[in-house]
Amino acid sequence: MVFPRGNLILNNAPVQYVNFDNILNQAKKTREGHLMGYIEIKYPESFEYLFFKDGQTISAGIYKENKLYEHPLEEVLGKAKKAHQGVVNIYMIGEELLNIIMALIKEKPLFSDKKVGNVDLEVLFDKLESLKFCGFLALNKSNKYSFVKFNDGEPKVIYPLKKNKRKIDKKTLISLLEGEDMLVSAYKGREMKGQVNPALIELYLKFFNSLIASFIDVVGVSLVRKTLIPAYENASQNLDILKSFKIEEDLTIIYQPFLATDEEITMAFASWIDQFADAIFVVLGRKTDEIIHNSLKDYRFALKSSKFFKYSKLSRLDID
């Protein structure tokens, strides 16, 4: 699996000697602005990718057994930190190309893997023009990708595999594709949202675990268990991502890596915490709000920044 590569930052470094924490920290400090691009990790059995935008790791993907798919970035990064075989490359690319690659991994294509030799290119491009197509074509030759970006139904820019991007028109593109042994797919190319930031999950876990401990101090483990578990079961019926979380015997919450956005995990935790607070309110009444308010003190600014209170009924409390 090979994508257009942009500027090479790190070349074929043995994975066991790469300090990924340092790389990701430095991505936020580059003089030219925060790095935008991807880390490619070549293992004997797979290619794995970490994508970053404005210095933040936003998503990850795996190419294995001829399939390219999104994967939780925590697992991709965790595997890389422990690996003893493989090489690492880092490429700096533009935002448009980054969005294209992420769409290739995350978005359902309009059509996929049509053999160029079986496609009437004039008819195809006339159709895209009539639709005012503003997506991109992915050109796959032996799992080596080039991309063509369209605006208002016209091809405008091509990202070749080993050359810089350049402008292109329909006539030039047709002549470039004719006779080529490659597959063509089409995507709308909408801007893709990144995966949830692991630090955000940790914030919600720390707050919720702190809140649970505060209620245990007041009403005991048994009553908290009788409210926490039903609240989890009710919330997870409508929010599948909560099924990645587990309540331990001591009522602390842990999780397995999963795919979601910042907004999705924020809404999920807001729902779960709200249902837990509503259930325990039946027992404690207004004292519930007092305990929650005290638990919020160490987290309120971070929770406000994450827009947690946009989705939670805890916004009723004085959180300033």
C-alpha atoms as a PDB file:
ATOM      1  CA  MET A   1       0.000   0.000   0.000  1.00  0.00           C
ATOM      2  CA  VAL A   2       1.543   3.304  -1.115  1.00  0.00           C
ATOM      3  CA  PHE A   3       0.037   6.810  -1.053  1.00  0.00           C
ATOM      4  CA  PRO A   4       1.371  10.070  -2.516  1.00  0.00           C
ATOM      5  CA  ARG A   5       4.080  10.929  -0.048  1.00  0.00           C
ATOM      6  CA  GLY A   6       4.738  14.643   0.100  1.00  0.00           C
ATOM      7  CA  ASN A   7       7.875  15.663   2.010  1.00  0.00           C
ATOM      8  CA  LEU A   8       9.799  12.825   3.640  1.00  0.00           C
ATOM      9  CA  ILE A   9      10.576  13.614   7.299  1.00  0.00           C
ATOM     10  CA  LEU A  10      11.836  10.216   8.517  1.00  0.00           C
ATOM     11  CA  ASN A  11      13.042   7.461   6.206  1.00  0.00           C
ATOM     12  CA  ASN A  12      12.948   3.716   6.931  1.00  0.00           C
ATOM     13  CA  ALA A  13      13.845   3.992  10.624  1.00  0.00           C
ATOM     14  CA  PRO A  14      13.733   0.660  12.498  1.00  0.00           C
ATOM     15  CA  VAL A  15      10.518   0.709  14.536  1.00  0.00           C
ATOM     16  CA  GLN A  16      12.215  -0.498  17.736  1.00  0.00           C
ATOM     17  CA  TYR A  17      14.406   2.631  17.797  1.00  0.00           C
ATOM     18  CA  VAL A  18      11.637   5.145  17.179  1.00  0.00           C
ATOM     19  CA  ASN A  19      10.329   7.113  20.164  1.00  0.00           C
ATOM     20  CA  PHE A  20       6.741   7.722  19.118  1.00  0.00           C
ATOM     21  CA  ASP A  21       5.933   9.936  22.097  1.00  0.00           C
ATOM     22  CA  ASN A  22       8.762  12.272  21.111  1.00  0.00           C
ATOM     23  CA  ILE A  23       7.635  12.316  17.475  1.00  0.00           C
ATOM     24  CA  LEU A  24       4.058  13.189  18.358  1.00  0.00           C
ATOM     25  CA  ASN A  25       5.189  15.869  20.811  1.00  0.00           C
ATOM     26  CA  GLN A  26       7.521  17.385  18.223  1.00  0.00           C
ATOM     27  CA  ALA A  27       4.695  17.381  15.667  1.00  0.00           C
ATOM     28  CA  LYS A  28       3.121  20.164  17.745  1.00  0.00           C
ATOM     29  CA  LYS A  29       6.306  22.250  17.910  1.00  0.00           C
ATOM     30  CA  THR A  30       7.666  22.480  14.368  1.00  0.00           C
ATOM     31  CA  ARG A  31       8.775  25.978  13.370  1.00  0.00           C
ATOM     32  CA  GLU A  32       6.681  26.019  10.203  1.00  0.00           C
ATOM     33  CA  GLY A  33       3.516  25.281  12.135  1.00  0.00           C
ATOM     34  CA  HIS A  34       2.046  22.085  13.425  1.00  0.00           C
ATOM     35  CA  LEU A  35       2.806  19.094  11.242  1.00  0.00           C
ATOM     36  CA  MET A  36       0.167  17.702   8.901  1.00  0.00           C
ATOM     37  CA  GLY A  37       0.705  14.270   7.414  1.00  0.00           C
ATOM     38  CA  TYR A  38       1.056  10.629   8.329  1.00  0.00           C
ATOM     39  CA  ILE A  39       3.311   8.051   9.916  1.00  0.00           C
ATOM     40  CA  GLU A  40       3.645   4.825   7.954  1.00  0.00           C
ATOM     41  CA  ILE A  41       4.726   1.700   9.830  1.00  0.00           C
ATOM     42  CA  LYS A  42       5.655  -1.264   7.652  1.00  0.00           C
ATOM     43  CA  TYR A  43       5.397  -4.599   9.419  1.00  0.00           C
ATOM     44  CA  PRO A  44       6.042  -7.999   7.820  1.00  0.00           C
ATOM     45  CA  GLU A  45       2.284  -8.710   7.962  1.00  0.00           C
ATOM     46  CA  SER A  46       0.736  -5.260   7.437  1.00  0.00           C
ATOM     47  CA  PHE A  47       1.054  -1.528   6.778  1.00  0.00           C
ATOM     48  CA  GLU A  48      -0.266   0.669   9.595  1.00  0.00           C
ATOM     49  CA  TYR A  49      -0.835   4.418   9.592  1.00  0.00           C
ATOM     50  CA  LEU A  50      -1.187   7.256  12.067  1.00  0.00           C
ATOM     51  CA  PHE A  51      -2.615  10.480  10.644  1.00  0.00           C
ATOM     52  CA  PHE A  52      -2.027  13.859  12.205  1.00  0.00           C
ATOM     53  CA  LYS A  53      -3.466  17.297  11.564  1.00  0.00           C
ATOM     54  CA  ASP A  54      -2.243  20.531  13.128  1.00  0.00           C
ATOM     55  CA  GLY A  55       0.108  18.435  15.241  1.00  0.00           C
ATOM     56  CA  GLN A  56      -2.648  16.250  16.716  1.00  0.00           C
ATOM     57  CA  THR A  57      -3.019  12.543  15.966  1.00  0.00           C
ATOM     58  CA  ILE A  58      -6.525  12.285  14.536  1.00  0.00           C
ATOM     59  CA  SER A  59      -6.962   8.796  13.110  1.00  0.00           C
ATOM     60  CA  ALA A  60      -5.312   5.512  12.215  1.00  0.00           C
ATOM     61  CA  GLY A  61      -5.652   2.802   9.617  1.00  0.00           C
ATOM     62  CA  ILE A  62      -4.402  -0.660   8.710  1.00  0.00           C
ATOM     63  CA  TYR A  63      -3.756  -2.310   5.350  1.00  0.00           C
ATOM     64  CA  LYS A  64      -3.733  -6.072   5.740  1.00  0.00           C
ATOM     65  CA  GLU A  65      -4.751  -8.990   3.539  1.00  0.00           C
ATOM     66  CA  ASN A  66      -5.664  -6.585   0.710  1.00  0.00           C
ATOM     67  CA  LYS A  67      -8.056  -4.601   2.927  1.00  0.00           C
ATOM     68  CA  LEU A  68      -7.668  -1.001   4.062  1.00  0.00           C
ATOM     69  CA  TYR A  69      -9.706   0.008   7.107  1.00  0.00           C
ATOM     70  CA  GLU A  70      -9.839   2.426   9.999  1.00  0.00           C
ATOM     71  CA  HIS A  71      -8.568   1.182  13.347  1.00  0.00           C
ATOM     72  CA  PRO A  72      -8.424   2.670  16.872  1.00  0.00           C
ATOM     73  CA  LEU A  73      -5.345   4.880  17.003  1.00  0.00           C
ATOM     74  CA  GLU A  74      -4.540   3.735  20.551  1.00  0.00           C
ATOM     75  CA  GLU A  75      -4.052   0.173  19.307  1.00  0.00           C
ATOM     76  CA  VAL A  76      -1.961   1.197  16.292  1.00  0.00           C
ATOM     77  CA  LEU A  77       0.237   3.415  18.469  1.00  0.00           C
ATOM     78  CA  GLY A  78       0.445   0.847  21.259  1.00  0.00           C
ATOM     79  CA  LYS A  79       1.570  -1.877  18.850  1.00  0.00           C
ATOM     80  CA  ALA A  80       4.218   0.421  17.338  1.00  0.00           C
ATOM     81  CA  LYS A  81       5.693   1.222  20.749  1.00  0.00           C
ATOM     82  CA  LYS A  82       6.137  -2.499  21.516  1.00  0.00           C
ATOM     83  CA  ALA A  83       7.233  -3.691  18.052  1.00  0.00           C
ATOM     84  CA  HIS A  84      10.655  -5.184  17.324  1.00  0.00           C
ATOM     85  CA  GLN A  85      10.234  -5.668  13.572  1.00  0.00           C
ATOM     86  CA  GLY A  86       9.271  -3.077  10.983  1.00  0.00           C
ATOM     87  CA  VAL A  87      10.310   0.307   9.612  1.00  0.00           C
ATOM     88  CA  VAL A  88       8.851   3.777  10.036  1.00  0.00           C
ATOM     89  CA  ASN A  89       8.426   6.602   7.516  1.00  0.00           C
ATOM     90  CA  ILE A  90       6.935  10.024   8.191  1.00  0.00           C
ATOM     91  CA  TYR A  91       5.490  12.203   5.420  1.00  0.00           C
ATOM     92  CA  MET A  92       4.333  15.803   5.558  1.00  0.00           C
ATOM     93  CA  ILE A  93       1.434  16.494   3.182  1.00  0.00           C
ATOM     94  CA  GLY A  94      -1.176  19.205   2.585  1.00  0.00           C
ATOM     95  CA  GLU A  95      -4.593  19.289   4.202  1.00  0.00           C
ATOM     96  CA  GLU A  96      -6.470  18.439   0.994  1.00  0.00           C
ATOM     97  CA  LEU A  97      -4.426  15.291   0.405  1.00  0.00           C
ATOM     98  CA  LEU A  98      -4.784  14.300   4.066  1.00  0.00           C
ATOM     99  CA  ASN A  99      -8.586  14.606   3.782  1.00  0.00           C
ATOM    100  CA  ILE A 100      -8.532  12.514   0.608  1.00  0.00           C
ATOM    101  CA  ILE A 101      -6.553   9.689   2.233  1.00  0.00           C
ATOM    102  CA  MET A 102      -8.783   9.702   5.299  1.00  0.00           C
ATOM    103  CA  ALA A 103     -11.891   9.603   3.095  1.00  0.00           C
ATOM    104  CA  LEU A 104     -10.414   6.617   1.241  1.00  0.00           C
ATOM    105  CA  ILE A 105     -10.230   4.771   4.561  1.00  0.00           C
ATOM    106  CA  LYS A 106     -13.475   5.924   6.182  1.00  0.00           C
ATOM    107  CA  GLU A 107     -15.966   6.770   3.415  1.00  0.00           C
ATOM    108  CA  LYS A 108     -18.156   4.446   1.369  1.00  0.00           C
ATOM    109  CA  PRO A 109     -17.272   4.950  -2.329  1.00  0.00           C
ATOM    110  CA  LEU A 110     -19.790   5.998  -4.970  1.00  0.00           C
ATOM    111  CA  PHE A 111     -18.347   3.161  -7.043  1.00  0.00           C
ATOM    112  CA  SER A 112     -15.215   1.120  -6.489  1.00  0.00           C
ATOM    113  CA  ASP A 113     -12.482  -0.816  -8.261  1.00  0.00           C
ATOM    114  CA  LYS A 114     -13.669  -0.459 -11.838  1.00  0.00           C
ATOM    115  CA  LYS A 115     -11.067  -1.548 -14.350  1.00  0.00           C
ATOM    116  CA  VAL A 116     -10.071   1.481 -16.377  1.00  0.00           C
ATOM    117  CA  GLY A 117     -10.014  -0.625 -19.521  1.00  0.00           C
ATOM    118  CA  ASN A 118     -13.691  -1.467 -19.029  1.00  0.00           C
ATOM    119  CA  VAL A 119     -14.808   2.130 -18.451  1.00  0.00           C
ATOM    120  CA  ASP A 120     -15.883   4.546 -21.176  1.00  0.00           C
ATOM    121  CA  LEU A 121     -13.911   7.518 -19.844  1.00  0.00           C
ATOM    122  CA  GLU A 122     -15.717  10.110 -21.964  1.00  0.00           C
ATOM    123  CA  VAL A 123     -19.086   8.924 -20.653  1.00  0.00           C
ATOM    124  CA  LEU A 124     -17.791   8.801 -17.061  1.00  0.00           C
ATOM    125  CA  PHE A 125     -16.404  12.345 -17.120  1.00  0.00           C
ATOM    126  CA  ASP A 126     -19.485  13.718 -18.855  1.00  0.00           C
ATOM    127  CA  LYS A 127     -21.584  12.177 -16.076  1.00  0.00           C
ATOM    128  CA  LEU A 128     -19.354  13.659 -13.354  1.00  0.00           C
ATOM    129  CA  GLU A 129     -19.595  17.049 -15.062  1.00  0.00           C
ATOM    130  CA  SER A 130     -23.404  16.879 -15.175  1.00  0.00           C
ATOM    131  CA  LEU A 131     -23.442  16.051 -11.454  1.00  0.00           C
ATOM    132  CA  LYS A 132     -21.114  18.945 -10.612  1.00  0.00           C
ATOM    133  CA  PHE A 133     -18.962  16.301  -8.865  1.00  0.00           C
ATOM    134  CA  CYS A 134     -16.744  17.789  -6.145  1.00  0.00           C
ATOM    135  CA  GLY A 135     -15.098  14.642  -4.825  1.00  0.00           C
ATOM    136  CA  PHE A 136     -12.094  12.683  -6.014  1.00  0.00           C
ATOM    137  CA  LEU A 137     -11.096   9.635  -8.028  1.00  0.00           C
ATOM    138  CA  ALA A 138      -8.754   7.104  -6.481  1.00  0.00           C
ATOM    139  CA  LEU A 139      -6.491   5.449  -9.060  1.00  0.00           C
ATOM    140  CA  ASN A 140      -5.134   2.137  -7.806  1.00  0.00           C
ATOM    141  CA  LYS A 141      -2.294   0.426  -9.634  1.00  0.00           C
ATOM    142  CA  SER A 142      -1.025  -2.627  -7.740  1.00  0.00           C
ATOM    143  CA  ASN A 143      -2.043  -0.985  -4.432  1.00  0.00           C
ATOM    144  CA  LYS A 144      -0.186   2.201  -5.298  1.00  0.00           C
ATOM    145  CA  TYR A 145      -2.558   5.149  -5.217  1.00  0.00           C
ATOM    146  CA  SER A 146      -2.831   8.411  -7.095  1.00  0.00           C
ATOM    147  CA  PHE A 147      -5.748  10.805  -6.658  1.00  0.00           C
ATOM    148  CA  VAL A 148      -7.602  13.284  -8.883  1.00  0.00           C
ATOM    149  CA  LYS A 149      -9.559  16.086  -7.188  1.00  0.00           C
ATOM    150  CA  PHE A 150     -12.672  17.454  -8.940  1.00  0.00           C
ATOM    151  CA  ASN A 151     -14.465  20.769  -8.536  1.00  0.00           C
ATOM    152  CA  ASP A 152     -17.856  21.425 -10.160  1.00  0.00           C
ATOM    153  CA  GLY A 153     -17.526  18.272 -12.244  1.00  0.00           C
ATOM    154  CA  GLU A 154     -14.100  19.119 -13.690  1.00  0.00           C
ATOM    155  CA  PRO A 155     -10.755  17.501 -12.807  1.00  0.00           C
ATOM    156  CA  LYS A 156      -8.550  20.190 -11.287  1.00  0.00           C
ATOM    157  CA  VAL A 157      -5.599  18.628  -9.462  1.00  0.00           C
ATOM    158  CA  ILE A 158      -3.822  15.292  -9.629  1.00  0.00           C
ATOM    159  CA  TYR A 159      -1.721  13.850  -6.819  1.00  0.00           C
ATOM    160  CA  PRO A 160       0.631  11.443  -8.617  1.00  0.00           C
ATOM    161  CA  LEU A 161       2.425   8.748  -6.679  1.00  0.00           C
ATOM    162  CA  LYS A 162       6.002  10.003  -6.868  1.00  0.00           C
ATOM    163  CA  LYS A 163       5.628  13.572  -8.122  1.00  0.00           C
ATOM    164  CA  ASN A 164       4.291  16.844  -6.798  1.00  0.00           C
ATOM    165  CA  LYS A 165       0.629  17.633  -7.291  1.00  0.00           C
ATOM    166  CA  ARG A 166      -0.218  19.496 -10.484  1.00  0.00           C
ATOM    167  CA  LYS A 167      -3.178  20.912 -12.335  1.00  0.00           C
ATOM    168  CA  ILE A 168      -4.927  18.675 -14.827  1.00  0.00           C
ATOM    169  CA  ASP A 169      -7.831  18.908 -17.280  1.00  0.00           C
ATOM    170  CA  LYS A 170     -10.194  16.299 -18.683  1.00  0.00           C
ATOM    171  CA  LYS A 171      -8.342  15.792 -21.953  1.00  0.00           C
ATOM    172  CA  THR A 172      -5.007  15.261 -20.201  1.00  0.00           C
ATOM    173  CA  LEU A 173      -6.555  12.926 -17.646  1.00  0.00           C
ATOM    174  CA  ILE A 174      -8.177  10.757 -20.306  1.00  0.00           C
ATOM    175  CA  SER A 175      -4.905  10.427 -22.198  1.00  0.00           C
ATOM    176  CA  LEU A 176      -3.156   9.570 -18.926  1.00  0.00           C
ATOM    177  CA  LEU A 177      -5.628   6.796 -18.091  1.00  0.00           C
ATOM    178  CA  GLU A 178      -6.117   5.206 -21.514  1.00  0.00           C
ATOM    179  CA  GLY A 179      -4.422   1.838 -21.726  1.00  0.00           C
ATOM    180  CA  GLU A 180      -3.449   1.797 -18.072  1.00  0.00           C
ATOM    181  CA  ASP A 181      -3.897  -1.379 -16.016  1.00  0.00           C
ATOM    182  CA  MET A 182      -5.446   0.173 -12.929  1.00  0.00           C
ATOM    183  CA  LEU A 183      -8.644   0.375 -10.904  1.00  0.00           C
ATOM    184  CA  VAL A 184     -10.683   3.531 -10.440  1.00  0.00           C
ATOM    185  CA  SER A 185     -13.008   4.423  -7.548  1.00  0.00           C
ATOM    186  CA  ALA A 186     -14.987   7.588  -6.814  1.00  0.00           C
ATOM    187  CA  TYR A 187     -15.585   9.262  -3.447  1.00  0.00           C
ATOM    188  CA  LYS A 188     -17.551  12.305  -2.361  1.00  0.00           C
ATOM    189  CA  GLY A 189     -14.515  13.344  -0.357  1.00  0.00           C
ATOM    190  CA  ARG A 190     -16.295  15.054   2.493  1.00  0.00           C
ATOM    191  CA  GLU A 191     -14.014  16.247   5.259  1.00  0.00           C
ATOM    192  CA  MET A 192     -13.654  13.387   7.706  1.00  0.00           C
ATOM    193  CA  LYS A 193     -13.863  13.853  11.463  1.00  0.00           C
ATOM    194  CA  GLY A 194     -10.921  12.471  13.385  1.00  0.00           C
ATOM    195  CA  GLN A 195     -11.071   9.781  16.044  1.00  0.00           C
ATOM    196  CA  VAL A 196     -11.660  10.619  19.673  1.00  0.00           C
ATOM    197  CA  ASN A 197      -8.612  11.972  21.475  1.00  0.00           C
ATOM    198  CA  PRO A 198      -7.530   9.378  24.106  1.00  0.00           C
ATOM    199  CA  ALA A 199      -6.913  12.268  26.514  1.00  0.00           C
ATOM    200  CA  LEU A 200     -10.617  13.120  26.293  1.00  0.00           C
ATOM    201  CA  ILE A 201     -11.608   9.584  27.257  1.00  0.00           C
ATOM    202  CA  GLU A 202      -9.227   9.766  30.213  1.00  0.00           C
ATOM    203  CA  LEU A 203     -10.786  13.071  31.294  1.00  0.00           C
ATOM    204  CA  TYR A 204     -14.286  11.592  31.342  1.00  0.00           C
ATOM    205  CA  LEU A 205     -13.103   8.455  33.135  1.00  0.00           C
ATOM    206  CA  LYS A 206     -11.276  10.432  35.811  1.00  0.00           C
ATOM    207  CA  PHE A 207     -14.294  12.658  36.401  1.00  0.00           C
ATOM    208  CA  PHE A 208     -16.810   9.811  36.432  1.00  0.00           C
ATOM    209  CA  ASN A 209     -14.656   7.581  38.648  1.00  0.00           C
ATOM    210  CA  SER A 210     -14.172  10.518  41.032  1.00  0.00           C
ATOM    211  CA  LEU A 211     -17.926  11.136  41.042  1.00  0.00           C
ATOM    212  CA  ILE A 212     -18.649   7.476  41.765  1.00  0.00           C
ATOM    213  CA  ALA A 213     -16.146   7.462  44.647  1.00  0.00           C
ATOM    214  CA  SER A 214     -17.785  10.567  46.128  1.00  0.00           C
ATOM    215  CA  PHE A 215     -21.206   8.936  46.123  1.00  0.00           C
ATOM    216  CA  ILE A 216     -19.781   5.716  47.618  1.00  0.00           C
ATOM    217  CA  ASP A 217     -18.427   7.765  50.529  1.00  0.00           C
ATOM    218  CA  VAL A 218     -21.949   9.052  51.195  1.00  0.00           C
ATOM    219  CA  VAL A 219     -24.324   6.148  50.463  1.00  0.00           C
ATOM    220  CA  GLY A 220     -22.049   3.112  50.198  1.00  0.00           C
ATOM    221  CA  VAL A 221     -21.035   0.691  47.464  1.00  0.00           C
ATOM    222  CA  SER A 222     -24.277  -1.293  47.352  1.00  0.00           C
ATOM    223  CA  LEU A 223     -26.559   1.619  46.529  1.00  0.00           C
ATOM    224  CA  VAL A 224     -24.155   3.098  43.997  1.00  0.00           C
ATOM    225  CA  ARG A 225     -23.930  -0.292  42.261  1.00  0.00           C
ATOM    226  CA  LYS A 226     -27.734  -0.488  42.090  1.00  0.00           C
ATOM    227  CA  THR A 227     -27.881   2.868  40.289  1.00  0.00           C
ATOM    228  CA  LEU A 228     -24.669   2.842  38.246  1.00  0.00           C
ATOM    229  CA  ILE A 229     -25.190  -0.504  36.481  1.00  0.00           C
ATOM    230  CA  PRO A 230     -28.814   0.135  35.365  1.00  0.00           C
ATOM    231  CA  ALA A 231     -27.769   3.612  34.178  1.00  0.00           C
ATOM    232  CA  TYR A 232     -25.019   1.988  32.100  1.00  0.00           C
ATOM    233  CA  GLU A 233     -27.382  -0.634  30.691  1.00  0.00           C
ATOM    234  CA  ASN A 234     -29.963   1.979  29.718  1.00  0.00           C
ATOM    235  CA  ALA A 235     -27.449   4.348  28.123  1.00  0.00           C
ATOM    236  CA  SER A 236     -25.622   1.593  26.207  1.00  0.00           C
ATOM    237  CA  GLN A 237     -28.870   0.386  24.618  1.00  0.00           C
ATOM    238  CA  ASN A 238     -28.856   3.484  22.424  1.00  0.00           C
ATOM    239  CA  LEU A 239     -25.113   4.206  22.386  1.00  0.00           C
ATOM    240  CA  ASP A 240     -23.089   1.237  21.176  1.00  0.00           C
ATOM    241  CA  ILE A 241     -19.721   2.830  21.959  1.00  0.00           C
ATOM    242  CA  LEU A 242     -20.481   2.495  25.675  1.00  0.00           C
ATOM    243  CA  LYS A 243     -20.267  -1.277  25.206  1.00  0.00           C
ATOM    244  CA  SER A 244     -16.493  -0.794  25.008  1.00  0.00           C
ATOM    245  CA  PHE A 245     -16.558   0.211  28.678  1.00  0.00           C
ATOM    246  CA  LYS A 246     -16.674  -2.122  31.656  1.00  0.00           C
ATOM    247  CA  ILE A 247     -17.604  -1.550  35.295  1.00  0.00           C
ATOM    248  CA  GLU A 248     -15.127  -3.331  37.559  1.00  0.00           C
ATOM    249  CA  GLU A 249     -16.084  -5.034  40.805  1.00  0.00           C
ATOM    250  CA  ASP A 250     -14.913  -1.988  42.788  1.00  0.00           C
ATOM    251  CA  LEU A 251     -17.121   0.161  40.448  1.00  0.00           C
ATOM    252  CA  THR A 252     -14.234   1.864  38.662  1.00  0.00           C
ATOM    253  CA  ILE A 253     -14.678   2.092  34.890  1.00  0.00           C
ATOM    254  CA  ILE A 254     -12.193   0.814  32.315  1.00  0.00           C
ATOM    255  CA  TYR A 255     -12.395   0.435  28.514  1.00  0.00           C
ATOM    256  CA  GLN A 256     -11.051  -1.214  25.386  1.00  0.00           C
ATOM    257  CA  PRO A 257     -10.016   1.010  22.419  1.00  0.00           C
ATOM    258  CA  PHE A 258     -12.856   1.779  19.997  1.00  0.00           C
ATOM    259  CA  LEU A 259     -13.781   3.969  17.039  1.00  0.00           C
ATOM    260  CA  ALA A 260     -15.703   7.178  17.743  1.00  0.00           C
ATOM    261  CA  THR A 261     -15.415  10.954  17.441  1.00  0.00           C
ATOM    262  CA  ASP A 262     -14.936  13.477  20.245  1.00  0.00           C
ATOM    263  CA  GLU A 263     -18.579  14.487  19.925  1.00  0.00           C
ATOM    264  CA  GLU A 264     -19.853  10.904  20.043  1.00  0.00           C
ATOM    265  CA  ILE A 265     -17.954   9.996  23.210  1.00  0.00           C
ATOM    266  CA  THR A 266     -18.959  13.293  24.840  1.00  0.00           C
ATOM    267  CA  MET A 267     -22.630  12.623  24.129  1.00  0.00           C
ATOM    268  CA  ALA A 268     -22.278   9.037  25.392  1.00  0.00           C
ATOM    269  CA  PHE A 269     -20.713  10.006  28.707  1.00  0.00           C
ATOM    270  CA  ALA A 270     -23.183  12.860  29.164  1.00  0.00           C
ATOM    271  CA  SER A 271     -26.074  10.414  28.746  1.00  0.00           C
ATOM    272  CA  TRP A 272     -24.578   7.825  31.104  1.00  0.00           C
ATOM    273  CA  ILE A 273     -23.676  10.315  33.821  1.00  0.00           C
ATOM    274  CA  ASP A 274     -27.071  12.038  33.553  1.00  0.00           C
ATOM    275  CA  GLN A 275     -28.911   8.745  33.976  1.00  0.00           C
ATOM    276  CA  PHE A 276     -26.741   7.825  36.943  1.00  0.00           C
ATOM    277  CA  ALA A 277     -27.330  11.238  38.563  1.00  0.00           C
ATOM    278  CA  ASP A 278     -31.094  11.003  37.972  1.00  0.00           C
ATOM    279  CA  ALA A 279     -31.237   7.556  39.569  1.00  0.00           C
ATOM    280  CA  ILE A 280     -29.296   8.508  42.676  1.00  0.00           C
ATOM    281  CA  PHE A 281     -31.285  11.758  43.005  1.00  0.00           C
ATOM    282  CA  VAL A 282     -34.284   9.619  43.987  1.00  0.00           C
ATOM    283  CA  VAL A 283     -32.361   8.611  47.138  1.00  0.00           C
ATOM    284  CA  LEU A 284     -30.401  11.745  48.011  1.00  0.00           C
ATOM    285  CA  GLY A 285     -32.546  14.532  46.609  1.00  0.00           C
ATOM    286  CA  ARG A 286     -30.820  17.930  46.412  1.00  0.00           C
ATOM    287  CA  LYS A 287     -27.727  16.588  48.151  1.00  0.00           C
ATOM    288  CA  THR A 288     -26.993  14.880  44.808  1.00  0.00           C
ATOM    289  CA  ASP A 289     -26.265  18.246  43.186  1.00  0.00           C
ATOM    290  CA  GLU A 290     -24.022  19.245  46.098  1.00  0.00           C
ATOM    291  CA  ILE A 291     -21.888  16.112  45.682  1.00  0.00           C
ATOM    292  CA  ILE A 292     -21.706  16.529  41.902  1.00  0.00           C
ATOM    293  CA  HIS A 293     -20.793  20.209  42.265  1.00  0.00           C
ATOM    294  CA  ASN A 294     -17.919  19.345  44.616  1.00  0.00           C
ATOM    295  CA  SER A 295     -16.693  16.612  42.243  1.00  0.00           C
ATOM    296  CA  LEU A 296     -16.755  19.043  39.324  1.00  0.00           C
ATOM    297  CA  LYS A 297     -14.308  21.481  40.917  1.00  0.00           C
ATOM    298  CA  ASP A 298     -11.151  19.817  39.589  1.00  0.00           C
ATOM    299  CA  TYR A 299     -12.609  19.115  36.137  1.00  0.00           C
ATOM    300  CA  ARG A 300     -14.998  21.945  35.298  1.00  0.00           C
ATOM    301  CA  PHE A 301     -12.690  23.896  32.977  1.00  0.00           C
ATOM    302  CA  ALA A 302     -11.652  20.822  31.016  1.00  0.00           C
ATOM    303  CA  LEU A 303     -15.270  19.650  30.797  1.00  0.00           C
ATOM    304  CA  LYS A 304     -16.413  23.065  29.570  1.00  0.00           C
ATOM    305  CA  SER A 305     -13.668  23.049  26.941  1.00  0.00           C
ATOM    306  CA  SER A 306     -14.763  19.596  25.737  1.00  0.00           C
ATOM    307  CA  LYS A 307     -18.388  20.845  25.390  1.00  0.00           C
ATOM    308  CA  PHE A 308     -19.559  18.217  27.857  1.00  0.00           C
ATOM    309  CA  PHE A 309     -22.121  20.592  29.354  1.00  0.00           C
ATOM    310  CA  LYS A 310     -23.649  21.160  25.926  1.00  0.00           C
ATOM    311  CA  TYR A 311     -25.043  17.628  26.126  1.00  0.00           C
ATOM    312  CA  SER A 312     -25.370  17.051  29.878  1.00  0.00           C
ATOM    313  CA  LYS A 313     -28.114  18.111  32.255  1.00  0.00           C
ATOM    314  CA  LEU A 314     -25.352  18.939  34.733  1.00  0.00           C
ATOM    315  CA  SER A 315     -25.196  22.299  32.974  1.00  0.00           C
ATOM    316  CA  ARG A 316     -27.940  23.288  35.426  1.00  0.00           C
ATOM    317  CA  LEU A 317     -25.278  23.520  38.132  1.00  0.00           C
ATOM    318  CA  ASP A 318     -23.194  26.604  38.735  1.00  0.00           C
ATOM    319  CA  ILE A 319     -19.980  25.459  37.014  1.00  0.00           C
ATOM    320  CA  ASP A 320     -18.097  28.759  36.762  1.00  0.00           C
END
